[in-house]
Protein backbone atom coordinates (compact mmCIF):
# COMPACT_ATOMS: atom_id res chain seq x y z
CA MET A 1 -65.91 74.64 138.65
CA TYR A 2 -68.42 76.50 139.47
CA THR A 3 -69.14 80.48 139.04
CA ARG A 4 -70.81 82.47 141.90
CA GLN A 5 -73.99 82.60 139.89
CA ALA A 6 -74.05 79.00 139.07
CA ALA A 7 -73.58 77.83 142.11
CA GLU A 8 -76.72 80.17 143.51
CA VAL A 9 -78.64 78.26 140.72
CA VAL A 10 -77.37 74.96 142.27
CA GLY A 11 -78.15 75.86 145.81
CA SER A 12 -81.50 76.61 145.17
CA LYS A 13 -81.98 73.35 143.35
CA VAL A 14 -81.15 71.46 145.86
CA TRP A 15 -82.48 72.70 148.58
CA GLU A 16 -85.64 72.09 146.86
CA ALA A 17 -84.86 68.69 146.59
CA ALA A 18 -83.39 68.64 149.83
CA GLU A 19 -88.08 70.09 150.46
CA GLU A 20 -89.28 67.30 148.86
CA ALA A 21 -86.83 64.33 150.68
CA ILE A 22 -88.52 65.46 154.18
CA VAL A 23 -92.42 65.67 152.80
CA THR A 24 -91.69 62.45 151.92
CA LEU A 25 -90.20 61.34 155.44
CA LYS A 26 -92.92 62.90 157.06
CA HIS A 27 -95.63 60.18 154.64
CA GLY A 28 -93.72 57.40 156.17
CA LEU A 29 -91.37 56.34 154.19
CA GLY A 30 -89.05 55.61 156.28
CA LEU A 31 -85.02 55.95 158.01
CA GLY A 32 -84.16 55.02 154.36
CA GLY A 33 -85.66 58.53 153.00
CA PHE A 34 -84.69 60.75 155.86
CA MET A 35 -80.83 59.90 154.91
CA VAL A 36 -81.23 60.99 151.63
CA ALA A 37 -82.93 64.02 152.76
CA MET A 38 -79.62 65.00 155.26
CA ALA A 39 -77.41 64.07 152.59
CA THR A 40 -78.92 66.69 149.62
CA ILE A 41 -79.68 69.21 152.25
CA SER A 42 -75.42 69.31 153.42
CA ILE A 43 -74.88 68.98 149.14
CA GLY A 44 -77.17 72.46 148.92
CA CYS A 45 -74.85 74.40 151.78
CA MET A 46 -71.61 73.58 150.04
CA ALA A 47 -72.62 74.89 146.74
CA ARG A 48 -74.15 78.26 148.51
CA LEU A 49 -70.39 77.75 150.53
CA ALA A 50 -68.28 77.36 147.85
CA PRO A 51 -66.40 79.67 146.46
CA ALA A 52 -66.35 81.28 142.55
CA ALA A 53 -63.76 80.20 140.78
CA ALA A 54 -60.94 82.45 139.35
CA GLY A 55 -60.88 84.08 136.31
CA PRO A 56 -62.95 86.02 134.22
CA PRO A 57 -67.11 85.42 133.83
CA ALA A 58 -67.95 83.23 131.91
CA PHE A 59 -69.30 86.02 129.88
CA GLU A 60 -65.84 87.41 129.09
CA SER A 61 -63.17 85.79 126.54
CA GLY A 62 -60.17 86.65 126.96
CA TYR A 63 -57.59 88.74 124.69
CA ALA A 64 -54.81 87.23 122.95
CA SER A 65 -51.56 88.45 124.18
CA ALA A 66 -50.07 90.72 121.00
CA ILE A 67 -48.21 88.91 118.31
CA VAL A 68 -44.62 91.17 117.99
CA GLN A 69 -43.91 91.43 113.97
CA PRO A 70 -40.04 90.85 113.43
CA GLU A 71 -38.48 93.88 112.38
CA GLY A 72 -38.28 94.73 108.63
CA ILE A 73 -40.82 91.58 107.39
CA SER A 74 -44.07 92.75 105.93
CA LEU A 75 -47.29 92.04 106.75
CA PHE A 76 -48.70 91.69 103.57
CA LYS A 77 -48.43 88.04 101.20
CA GLY A 78 -48.67 89.50 98.49
CA ASP A 79 -45.58 92.29 98.75
CA SER A 80 -43.23 89.56 98.19
CA ALA A 81 -44.48 88.76 94.64
CA VAL A 82 -42.51 92.22 93.69
CA LEU A 83 -39.65 92.69 95.84
CA THR A 84 -38.57 90.07 98.75
CA ASP A 85 -38.37 91.43 102.28
CA ALA A 86 -34.39 90.83 101.85
CA ASP A 87 -34.67 92.80 98.14
CA ILE A 88 -36.04 95.76 100.69
CA ALA A 89 -33.65 95.38 103.80
CA ARG A 90 -30.74 95.68 100.61
CA ILE A 91 -32.13 98.29 98.73
CA LEU A 92 -32.68 100.70 101.52
CA SER A 93 -29.08 100.28 102.42
CA PHE A 94 -27.71 101.03 99.63
CA SER A 95 -25.99 104.40 99.38
CA PHE A 96 -26.01 105.88 96.22
CA THR A 97 -22.95 107.83 94.74
CA VAL A 98 -22.12 109.44 91.43
CA ARG A 99 -19.43 108.43 89.07
CA PRO A 100 -17.70 110.18 87.12
CA GLN A 101 -17.68 110.66 83.20
CA ASN A 102 -21.38 109.56 83.35
CA ARG A 103 -22.92 109.77 80.09
CA LEU A 104 -26.79 110.90 80.48
CA ALA A 105 -29.61 110.11 78.33
CA VAL A 106 -32.52 112.65 78.58
CA MET A 107 -36.61 111.61 78.04
CA THR A 108 -39.41 113.40 77.73
CA LEU A 109 -42.98 112.06 78.48
CA GLY A 110 -45.49 113.48 76.30
CA ARG A 111 -44.93 115.29 73.64
CA ALA A 112 -46.85 118.51 73.55
CA SER A 113 -48.78 119.38 70.07
CA LEU A 114 -47.25 122.10 67.82
CA TRP A 115 -50.27 124.14 67.15
CA SER A 116 -48.06 127.18 65.91
CA GLU A 117 -44.54 128.22 64.82
CA GLU A 118 -43.64 130.23 66.98
CA TYR A 119 -44.65 127.84 69.66
CA ALA A 120 -42.31 125.03 67.72
CA LYS A 121 -39.58 127.64 67.65
CA GLY A 122 -39.26 128.03 71.86
CA GLN A 123 -39.75 124.15 72.40
CA ALA A 124 -37.14 123.99 70.45
CA ASP A 125 -35.15 126.62 72.28
CA ASN A 126 -36.50 125.47 75.91
CA ALA A 127 -35.19 121.87 74.77
CA ARG A 128 -31.44 123.02 74.18
CA ALA A 129 -31.49 125.34 77.11
CA PHE A 130 -32.19 122.30 78.99
CA MET A 131 -29.57 120.11 77.76
CA ASP A 132 -26.47 122.64 77.97
CA ARG A 133 -27.58 122.95 81.42
CA LEU A 134 -26.86 119.94 82.27
CA LYS A 135 -23.40 119.43 80.32
CA ALA A 136 -22.55 122.00 82.79
CA ALA A 137 -22.84 119.49 85.19
CA HIS A 138 -18.49 118.47 86.14
CA ALA A 139 -20.02 114.63 86.73
CA VAL A 140 -21.45 114.43 83.14
CA ARG A 141 -19.68 113.70 80.12
CA GLU A 142 -21.95 113.79 77.41
CA VAL A 143 -25.47 114.32 77.31
CA ALA A 144 -28.15 113.12 74.33
CA GLU A 145 -31.70 112.65 74.39
CA LEU A 146 -33.46 108.92 74.00
CA PRO A 147 -34.31 107.96 70.47
CA MET A 148 -37.79 108.05 69.61
CA LEU A 149 -37.38 104.68 68.80
CA LEU A 150 -36.01 103.40 72.30
CA VAL A 151 -38.90 104.92 74.69
CA PRO A 152 -41.03 101.86 75.38
CA GLU A 153 -44.37 101.30 75.47
CA LYS A 154 -44.79 100.41 78.85
CA GLN A 155 -42.83 103.50 80.91
CA THR A 156 -42.22 101.51 83.49
CA VAL A 157 -39.05 101.95 85.91
CA PRO A 158 -37.90 98.35 84.35
CA TYR A 159 -38.79 99.11 81.03
CA LEU A 160 -37.03 102.31 81.42
CA ARG A 161 -33.97 101.31 82.74
CA GLU A 162 -33.75 98.67 80.04
CA ALA A 163 -34.34 101.35 77.24
CA GLY A 164 -31.39 103.69 79.24
CA ALA A 165 -28.98 100.15 79.17
CA ARG A 166 -29.55 99.43 75.40
CA PHE A 167 -28.58 103.43 75.00
CA GLN A 168 -25.70 103.03 76.92
CA ALA A 169 -26.47 105.35 79.48
CA ASP A 170 -25.10 105.58 82.56
CA LEU A 171 -27.86 107.54 83.68
CA LEU A 172 -31.23 108.41 82.76
CA LEU A 173 -33.44 111.80 83.53
CA VAL A 174 -37.27 111.56 82.39
CA HIS A 175 -39.02 114.23 82.68
CA GLN A 176 -43.03 115.36 82.15
CA SER A 177 -44.40 119.05 81.82
CA ARG A 178 -47.85 119.61 82.11
CA VAL A 179 -49.43 123.36 81.20
CA ARG A 180 -52.89 124.80 82.29
CA THR A 181 -53.80 127.93 80.87
CA PHE A 182 -56.45 130.77 81.82
CA SER A 183 -57.92 133.08 79.32
CA LYS A 184 -59.49 136.52 80.17
CA TYR A 185 -61.03 137.86 77.10
CA ARG A 186 -62.53 141.59 76.77
CA THR A 187 -64.96 143.10 74.87
CA LEU A 188 -62.91 146.60 75.65
CA GLY A 189 -58.49 146.11 76.08
CA LYS A 190 -56.92 143.61 74.91
CA ASP A 191 -57.28 139.50 75.71
CA GLU A 192 -55.32 138.23 78.85
CA VAL A 193 -53.64 134.53 79.74
CA LYS A 194 -52.03 133.37 82.40
CA ALA A 195 -49.67 130.47 81.49
CA LEU A 196 -49.31 127.70 84.69
CA CYS A 197 -46.73 124.72 83.83
CA THR A 198 -45.38 122.06 86.36
CA VAL A 199 -42.17 120.10 85.39
CA GLU A 200 -41.15 116.93 87.26
CA ALA A 201 -38.06 114.71 86.35
CA ILE A 202 -36.39 111.83 87.97
CA LEU A 203 -32.87 110.54 87.76
CA LEU A 204 -33.10 106.92 87.00
CA ASP A 205 -29.62 105.11 88.00
CA VAL A 206 -29.52 102.90 84.83
CA ARG A 207 -27.05 100.28 86.63
CA THR A 208 -28.68 99.90 89.84
CA GLY A 209 -32.05 100.48 88.79
CA ILE A 210 -32.57 103.04 91.75
CA ILE A 211 -33.98 106.39 91.74
CA PRO A 212 -32.06 108.61 93.32
CA TYR A 213 -33.26 112.29 92.87
CA THR A 214 -36.17 113.76 91.52
CA THR A 215 -37.37 117.48 91.56
CA SER A 216 -39.96 119.78 90.14
CA ASP A 217 -40.78 123.04 89.67
CA SER A 218 -43.43 125.41 88.83
CA GLU A 219 -43.61 128.80 86.98
CA THR A 220 -47.38 130.80 86.07
CA ILE A 221 -46.46 133.58 83.31
CA SER A 222 -49.56 136.48 82.58
CA ALA A 223 -49.74 138.26 79.35
CA LYS A 224 -51.21 140.20 76.98
CA ARG A 225 -52.02 139.96 73.10
CA GLY A 226 -49.54 142.10 72.07
CA GLU A 227 -49.61 143.82 68.40
CA ASN A 228 -47.61 142.08 66.58
CA ASP A 229 -49.41 138.90 67.61
CA LEU A 230 -51.40 137.38 64.40
CA ASN A 231 -54.34 136.46 66.65
CA PHE A 232 -54.89 135.69 70.31
CA GLU A 233 -53.72 131.66 70.29
CA GLU A 234 -50.09 132.93 69.45
CA THR A 235 -50.43 134.86 72.54
CA VAL A 236 -51.72 132.17 74.57
CA ALA A 237 -48.60 129.95 72.72
CA LYS A 238 -45.69 132.02 73.58
CA ALA A 239 -47.12 132.18 77.64
CA THR A 240 -47.01 128.55 77.72
CA VAL A 241 -43.16 128.13 75.76
CA GLU A 242 -42.45 131.20 78.95
CA ALA A 243 -43.73 129.11 81.84
CA MET A 244 -42.07 126.11 80.38
CA GLY A 245 -38.69 127.48 79.68
CA LYS A 246 -38.35 128.56 83.61
CA ALA A 247 -39.98 125.53 85.04
CA MET A 248 -37.27 123.46 82.92
CA ASN A 249 -34.48 125.66 83.35
CA ALA A 250 -34.90 125.52 87.29
CA VAL A 251 -35.53 121.27 87.67
CA ALA A 252 -32.21 121.63 85.39
CA ASP A 253 -30.73 123.59 87.70
CA ASN A 254 -31.56 121.15 90.36
CA MET A 255 -30.32 117.95 88.78
CA ALA A 256 -27.02 119.44 88.07
CA THR A 257 -26.25 120.57 91.80
CA PHE A 258 -28.05 117.45 92.98
CA LEU A 259 -25.07 115.60 90.37
CA ASP A 260 -22.32 117.99 91.40
CA SER A 261 -23.05 117.46 94.99
CA HIS A 262 -22.93 113.63 94.97
CA ALA A 263 -20.29 113.22 92.90
CA ASP A 264 -17.37 110.47 93.70
CA LYS A 265 -14.86 112.53 94.73
């Protein structure tokens, strides 16, 4: 089927052929040449009068209809190597409930360098207050720190879950602290420091591998060098410990509140 442009080109070629046939007829080629000329002219008329074919122009390409993606099916083939679509659907439909009388293991990611006795003492006090606040949750039967020997080298969820299971913990709380200090040294007056501490924590259900809750808190403490500080490093250590203690207490409060509010009643 021809488009209108193609028909016009064909028609012009046909008219040229017809004119040549008529000239030939004039030079006396006889009735046969005349019939060829008339047939050529008829074809040319039909080509000129033929309507353009329906549909898009020849230079245009049609668009394929949109593919409807089934709901809940990944668009990436490599995803199934970690979790299949069925696994993800089962995980998302799971409703987490805190069982009664849980044994809670606590694991600290990273160990801060203890550059002063004051800092070491403050960190021990912070850890003790953190554990005591978690013990106050009604859904918790026991709180214990995960031994260093059980901390996995690869600190990913599957290995953390295995460590919690070996420790016979129902729940594993993993937390990490980050501290930044900003110091101002003065020629006149006392040196100043500002300590910013952020504590993040996740709660891992050892039985299912679900992480039902995460929380974080940031605290800032400003301090000046005191009369009893041996040096400015001790001032920095005190500010750091205080900021970290406040952030850890807030995280422990949030975690205990979550455990009690989601306990199976």
